Amino acid sequence: MNTFQSIIIAIIEGITEFLPISSTAHMKFANPILGISSDPFVDLFEIVIQLAAIASVVVIYRKKFFDFKQISFYIKLFVAVIPALIFGALLKKHIDAALGNLWVIAIVMLVGGIVLLFIDQLFEKATLTSNANSNDEEISYKKSFVIGCFQVLSIIFPGLSRSAATIIGGMSQKLNKKTALEFSFFLAVPTMLAASAKSTLDVFKTNPEVFAKDNLILLLIGAVVAFLVALVTVQFFIRIVQKKGFALFGWYRIVLGSTILALLYTQYLH
């Protein structure tokens, strides 16, 4: 991976991380197109820039994140992240295999798009208006855990989208769209922090040469770019969902998933 490739992948990550279109799928699709081969550094790079993109949430919602008087907020995030930690460890081999299979990711992308077409109708009472307030009190510990269980689906099925799974999970618990969106953003922080720490430790143990100076520079460049792009994307996502709902993202997923399947079938992509 060179500097140009790292910047392009970081831009893709920053744009797609919070959208219900799967940032992981986009990076896995983009890598072969850009001539990037999978190796320990590339895998680590993808995880680190995901964490950098998610760090934008901490900046945007810094008053919420650093309000230490609201201890229940942190407990709810901990409760919600437990399922991902457990299943992530138990299903590591399955996850690694699925992440390396573009057919699986493309199919999940397509099916997930079809699901998003009907989400607004299914949860039509979960409305988002300009005056809607996010109410942390309505997110009970039970609801937090259920949302965390929905997040597991994105681990089992790469390409599903962590944000899509957790937003749908929140809306299934009768949270309004604004609350579901924000809790999805918040939950991403401990989830990706744990994933990044685990990935970094594993790579350091098995491939310490990955942490050479040149690679660290690429990691820094990618992290900064992903963070800055994500800062803009979060605001964009909220406005789009407010005006258009989720169907637009559903159609995008269907088109992209179908295109990738066609490219795989014709062996233009492999």
Protein backbone atom coordinates (compact mmCIF):
# COMPACT_ATOMS: atom_id res chain seq x y z
CA MET A 1 0.00 0.00 0.00
CA ASN A 2 1.33 3.42 -0.97
CA THR A 3 0.35 6.91 0.20
CA PHE A 4 -2.17 7.48 -2.61
CA GLN A 5 -3.89 4.17 -1.93
CA SER A 6 -4.01 4.85 1.81
CA ILE A 7 -5.68 8.24 1.24
CA ILE A 8 -8.31 6.80 -1.13
CA ILE A 9 -9.19 3.98 1.26
CA ALA A 10 -9.34 6.45 4.17
CA ILE A 11 -11.72 8.71 2.23
CA ILE A 12 -13.93 5.71 1.46
CA GLU A 13 -13.90 4.74 5.13
CA GLY A 14 -14.70 8.26 6.32
CA ILE A 15 -17.65 8.53 3.95
CA THR A 16 -19.13 5.09 4.58
CA GLU A 17 -18.49 4.38 8.27
CA PHE A 18 -21.71 5.92 9.60
CA LEU A 19 -23.88 5.27 6.56
CA PRO A 20 -25.86 1.98 6.51
CA ILE A 21 -23.92 0.76 3.48
CA SER A 22 -21.00 -1.06 5.18
CA SER A 23 -17.59 0.59 5.24
CA THR A 24 -15.97 -2.85 5.45
CA ALA A 25 -17.63 -3.94 2.21
CA HIS A 26 -16.53 -0.78 0.42
CA MET A 27 -12.92 -1.21 1.50
CA LYS A 28 -12.91 -4.88 0.52
CA PHE A 29 -14.35 -3.99 -2.90
CA ALA A 30 -11.96 -1.07 -3.39
CA ASN A 31 -8.77 -2.94 -2.47
CA PRO A 32 -8.53 -5.17 -5.58
CA ILE A 33 -9.61 -2.28 -7.82
CA LEU A 34 -6.76 -0.17 -6.42
CA GLY A 35 -4.33 -3.08 -6.64
CA ILE A 36 -4.06 -3.54 -2.88
CA SER A 37 -3.33 -7.09 -1.81
CA SER A 38 -4.54 -8.39 1.54
CA ASP A 39 -1.80 -8.69 4.17
CA PRO A 40 -1.47 -8.09 7.93
CA PHE A 41 -0.75 -4.39 7.47
CA VAL A 42 -3.74 -3.79 5.21
CA ASP A 43 -6.01 -5.58 7.68
CA LEU A 44 -4.62 -3.47 10.54
CA PHE A 45 -4.90 -0.29 8.46
CA GLU A 46 -8.61 -0.90 7.84
CA ILE A 47 -9.31 -1.38 11.53
CA VAL A 48 -7.30 1.64 12.65
CA ILE A 49 -8.90 4.06 10.19
CA GLN A 50 -12.32 2.78 11.23
CA LEU A 51 -11.49 3.76 14.80
CA ALA A 52 -10.22 7.15 13.58
CA ALA A 53 -13.45 7.78 11.70
CA ILE A 54 -15.49 6.82 14.73
CA ALA A 55 -13.43 9.20 16.87
CA SER A 56 -15.25 12.00 15.04
CA VAL A 57 -18.35 11.06 17.06
CA VAL A 58 -16.48 11.77 20.28
CA VAL A 59 -15.67 15.25 18.99
CA ILE A 60 -19.18 16.00 17.72
CA TYR A 61 -20.87 14.67 20.87
CA ARG A 62 -18.09 15.58 23.29
CA LYS A 63 -20.49 17.08 25.85
CA LYS A 64 -22.34 13.78 25.99
CA PHE A 65 -19.23 11.62 26.03
CA PHE A 66 -17.50 13.53 28.77
CA ASP A 67 -20.48 14.11 31.04
CA PHE A 68 -19.20 11.91 33.85
CA LYS A 69 -22.27 12.68 35.94
CA GLN A 70 -24.26 10.37 33.65
CA ILE A 71 -22.67 7.09 34.67
CA SER A 72 -25.64 5.15 33.29
CA PHE A 73 -24.65 6.27 29.79
CA TYR A 74 -21.31 4.46 30.04
CA ILE A 75 -22.88 1.39 31.62
CA LYS A 76 -25.40 1.13 28.80
CA LEU A 77 -22.60 1.27 26.21
CA PHE A 78 -20.74 -1.44 28.11
CA VAL A 79 -23.85 -3.62 28.23
CA ALA A 80 -24.43 -3.09 24.49
CA VAL A 81 -20.86 -3.99 23.49
CA ILE A 82 -20.77 -7.29 25.44
CA PRO A 83 -22.44 -9.43 22.71
CA ALA A 84 -19.96 -8.20 20.08
CA LEU A 85 -16.98 -8.99 22.32
CA ILE A 86 -18.25 -12.51 23.02
CA PHE A 87 -19.28 -13.46 19.50
CA GLY A 88 -16.29 -11.69 17.97
CA ALA A 89 -14.00 -13.98 19.94
CA LEU A 90 -16.04 -17.15 19.37
CA LEU A 91 -16.52 -16.63 15.64
CA LYS A 92 -13.11 -15.24 14.69
CA LYS A 93 -12.38 -17.98 12.12
CA HIS A 94 -15.79 -17.55 10.51
CA ILE A 95 -15.35 -13.77 10.42
CA ASP A 96 -11.90 -13.98 8.83
CA ALA A 97 -13.16 -16.40 6.19
CA ALA A 98 -16.22 -14.28 5.38
CA LEU A 99 -14.16 -11.10 5.13
CA GLY A 100 -12.02 -12.76 2.48
CA ASN A 101 -15.01 -13.81 0.36
CA LEU A 102 -16.26 -11.00 -1.91
CA TRP A 103 -19.19 -13.17 -3.02
CA VAL A 104 -20.52 -13.34 0.53
CA ILE A 105 -20.01 -9.61 1.12
CA ALA A 106 -21.73 -8.67 -2.17
CA ILE A 107 -24.72 -10.92 -1.47
CA VAL A 108 -25.11 -9.50 2.04
CA MET A 109 -24.82 -6.00 0.57
CA LEU A 110 -27.65 -6.77 -1.87
CA VAL A 111 -29.96 -8.43 0.67
CA GLY A 112 -29.30 -5.67 3.20
CA GLY A 113 -30.34 -3.13 0.58
CA ILE A 114 -33.66 -4.87 0.06
CA VAL A 115 -34.26 -4.80 3.82
CA LEU A 116 -33.54 -1.06 4.01
CA LEU A 117 -36.22 -0.36 1.40
CA PHE A 118 -38.87 -1.35 3.92
CA ILE A 119 -37.38 -0.05 7.17
CA ASP A 120 -39.16 3.31 7.08
CA GLN A 121 -42.56 1.65 6.62
CA LEU A 122 -41.84 -1.03 9.20
CA PHE A 123 -40.92 1.53 11.84
CA GLU A 124 -42.97 4.45 10.59
CA LYS A 125 -43.72 5.61 14.14
CA ALA A 126 -40.00 6.06 14.81
CA THR A 127 -39.92 9.51 13.24
CA LEU A 128 -37.09 12.01 13.02
CA THR A 129 -37.99 15.69 12.94
CA SER A 130 -35.92 18.77 13.34
CA ASN A 131 -37.40 19.21 16.81
CA ALA A 132 -36.97 15.62 17.93
CA ASN A 133 -34.88 15.26 21.05
CA SER A 134 -32.64 12.34 21.83
CA ASN A 135 -33.72 10.91 25.17
CA ASP A 136 -31.09 8.75 26.83
CA GLU A 137 -33.59 7.84 29.56
CA GLU A 138 -35.71 5.82 27.13
CA ILE A 139 -32.77 3.54 26.38
CA SER A 140 -32.99 0.95 29.14
CA TYR A 141 -30.27 -1.58 29.91
CA LYS A 142 -32.41 -4.26 28.28
CA LYS A 143 -32.77 -2.21 25.10
CA SER A 144 -29.04 -1.53 25.11
CA PHE A 145 -28.34 -5.25 25.24
CA VAL A 146 -30.81 -5.99 22.43
CA ILE A 147 -29.18 -3.34 20.23
CA GLY A 148 -25.84 -4.95 21.03
CA CYS A 149 -27.23 -8.29 19.85
CA PHE A 150 -28.26 -6.69 16.56
CA GLN A 151 -24.67 -5.46 16.21
CA VAL A 152 -23.54 -9.09 16.28
CA LEU A 153 -25.36 -9.62 12.97
CA SER A 154 -22.91 -7.25 11.29
CA ILE A 155 -20.05 -9.35 12.66
CA ILE A 156 -21.52 -12.63 11.44
CA PHE A 157 -22.45 -11.18 8.05
CA PRO A 158 -19.71 -8.85 6.73
CA GLY A 159 -21.26 -6.31 4.41
CA LEU A 160 -24.42 -5.94 6.49
CA SER A 161 -23.18 -2.69 8.07
CA ARG A 162 -22.70 -2.18 11.78
CA SER A 163 -24.57 1.12 11.69
CA ALA A 164 -27.52 -0.39 9.78
CA ALA A 165 -27.78 -3.30 12.22
CA THR A 166 -27.64 -1.14 15.34
CA ILE A 167 -29.99 1.54 13.99
CA ILE A 168 -32.56 -1.11 13.06
CA GLY A 169 -31.98 -2.68 16.47
CA GLY A 170 -32.71 0.62 18.16
CA MET A 171 -35.84 1.26 16.11
CA SER A 172 -37.05 -2.27 16.87
CA GLN A 173 -36.95 -1.21 20.52
CA LYS A 174 -39.28 1.70 19.71
CA LEU A 175 -36.58 4.36 19.86
CA ASN A 176 -37.16 7.33 17.59
CA LYS A 177 -34.76 7.63 14.66
CA LYS A 178 -32.68 10.36 16.26
CA THR A 179 -32.09 8.35 19.41
CA ALA A 180 -31.40 5.17 17.44
CA LEU A 181 -28.93 7.00 15.20
CA GLU A 182 -27.05 8.59 18.07
CA PHE A 183 -26.86 5.41 20.13
CA SER A 184 -25.51 3.62 17.05
CA PHE A 185 -22.82 6.31 16.80
CA PHE A 186 -21.98 6.05 20.50
CA LEU A 187 -21.83 2.24 20.47
CA ALA A 188 -19.31 2.34 17.62
CA VAL A 189 -16.71 3.89 19.92
CA PRO A 190 -16.16 1.06 22.45
CA THR A 191 -16.79 -1.56 19.75
CA MET A 192 -14.07 -0.31 17.41
CA LEU A 193 -11.76 0.59 20.28
CA ALA A 194 -11.85 -3.04 21.40
CA ALA A 195 -11.46 -4.31 17.82
CA SER A 196 -8.51 -1.99 17.15
CA ALA A 197 -6.75 -2.95 20.37
CA LYS A 198 -7.21 -6.66 19.65
CA SER A 199 -6.08 -6.34 16.03
CA THR A 200 -3.04 -4.24 16.92
CA LEU A 201 -1.96 -6.67 19.63
CA ASP A 202 -2.38 -9.70 17.35
CA VAL A 203 -0.38 -8.11 14.54
CA PHE A 204 2.34 -6.97 16.95
CA LYS A 205 2.71 -10.54 18.25
CA THR A 206 2.75 -12.27 14.86
CA ASN A 207 4.11 -9.62 12.47
CA PRO A 208 6.02 -6.94 14.42
CA GLU A 209 7.71 -5.78 11.20
CA VAL A 210 4.37 -4.28 10.20
CA PHE A 211 5.09 -1.42 12.62
CA ALA A 212 7.96 -0.10 10.54
CA LYS A 213 8.29 3.69 10.26
CA ASP A 214 6.86 3.90 6.73
CA ASN A 215 3.79 1.89 7.72
CA LEU A 216 3.22 4.01 10.80
CA ILE A 217 3.25 7.11 8.59
CA LEU A 218 0.61 5.54 6.34
CA LEU A 219 -1.48 4.70 9.40
CA LEU A 220 -1.26 8.30 10.61
CA ILE A 221 -2.19 9.71 7.19
CA GLY A 222 -5.11 7.32 6.85
CA ALA A 223 -6.36 8.03 10.36
CA VAL A 224 -6.32 11.81 9.90
CA VAL A 225 -8.08 11.65 6.52
CA ALA A 226 -10.75 9.21 7.75
CA PHE A 227 -11.38 11.34 10.84
CA LEU A 228 -11.83 14.60 8.90
CA VAL A 229 -14.08 13.07 6.25
CA ALA A 230 -16.22 11.35 8.90
CA LEU A 231 -16.77 14.66 10.70
CA VAL A 232 -18.69 15.89 7.67
CA THR A 233 -20.40 12.60 6.89
CA VAL A 234 -22.12 12.27 10.27
CA GLN A 235 -23.97 15.55 9.79
CA PHE A 236 -24.80 14.64 6.19
CA PHE A 237 -26.23 11.27 7.23
CA ILE A 238 -28.57 12.77 9.83
CA ARG A 239 -29.92 15.30 7.31
CA ILE A 240 -30.48 12.67 4.61
CA VAL A 241 -32.32 10.31 6.95
CA GLN A 242 -34.41 13.22 8.19
CA LYS A 243 -35.49 14.17 4.67
CA LYS A 244 -35.39 10.92 2.70
CA GLY A 245 -35.34 8.02 5.15
CA PHE A 246 -33.35 4.84 4.53
CA ALA A 247 -34.68 3.83 1.09
CA LEU A 248 -32.02 5.83 -0.75
CA PHE A 249 -29.30 3.81 0.96
CA GLY A 250 -31.22 0.63 0.21
CA TRP A 251 -31.24 1.33 -3.53
CA TYR A 252 -27.55 2.22 -3.42
CA ARG A 253 -26.74 -1.11 -1.75
CA ILE A 254 -28.81 -3.03 -4.29
CA VAL A 255 -27.05 -1.36 -7.24
CA LEU A 256 -23.57 -1.78 -5.76
CA GLY A 257 -24.16 -5.36 -4.60
CA SER A 258 -25.54 -6.36 -8.01
CA THR A 259 -22.64 -4.66 -9.80
CA ILE A 260 -20.03 -6.42 -7.69
CA LEU A 261 -21.76 -9.78 -8.22
CA ALA A 262 -21.73 -9.17 -11.97
CA LEU A 263 -18.02 -8.27 -11.89
CA LEU A 264 -17.24 -11.37 -9.84
CA TYR A 265 -19.29 -13.60 -12.17
CA THR A 266 -17.52 -12.25 -15.25
CA GLN A 267 -14.18 -12.46 -13.40
CA TYR A 268 -13.43 -8.78 -13.85
CA LEU A 269 -13.10 -8.76 -10.10
CA HIS A 270 -11.78 -11.60 -7.98
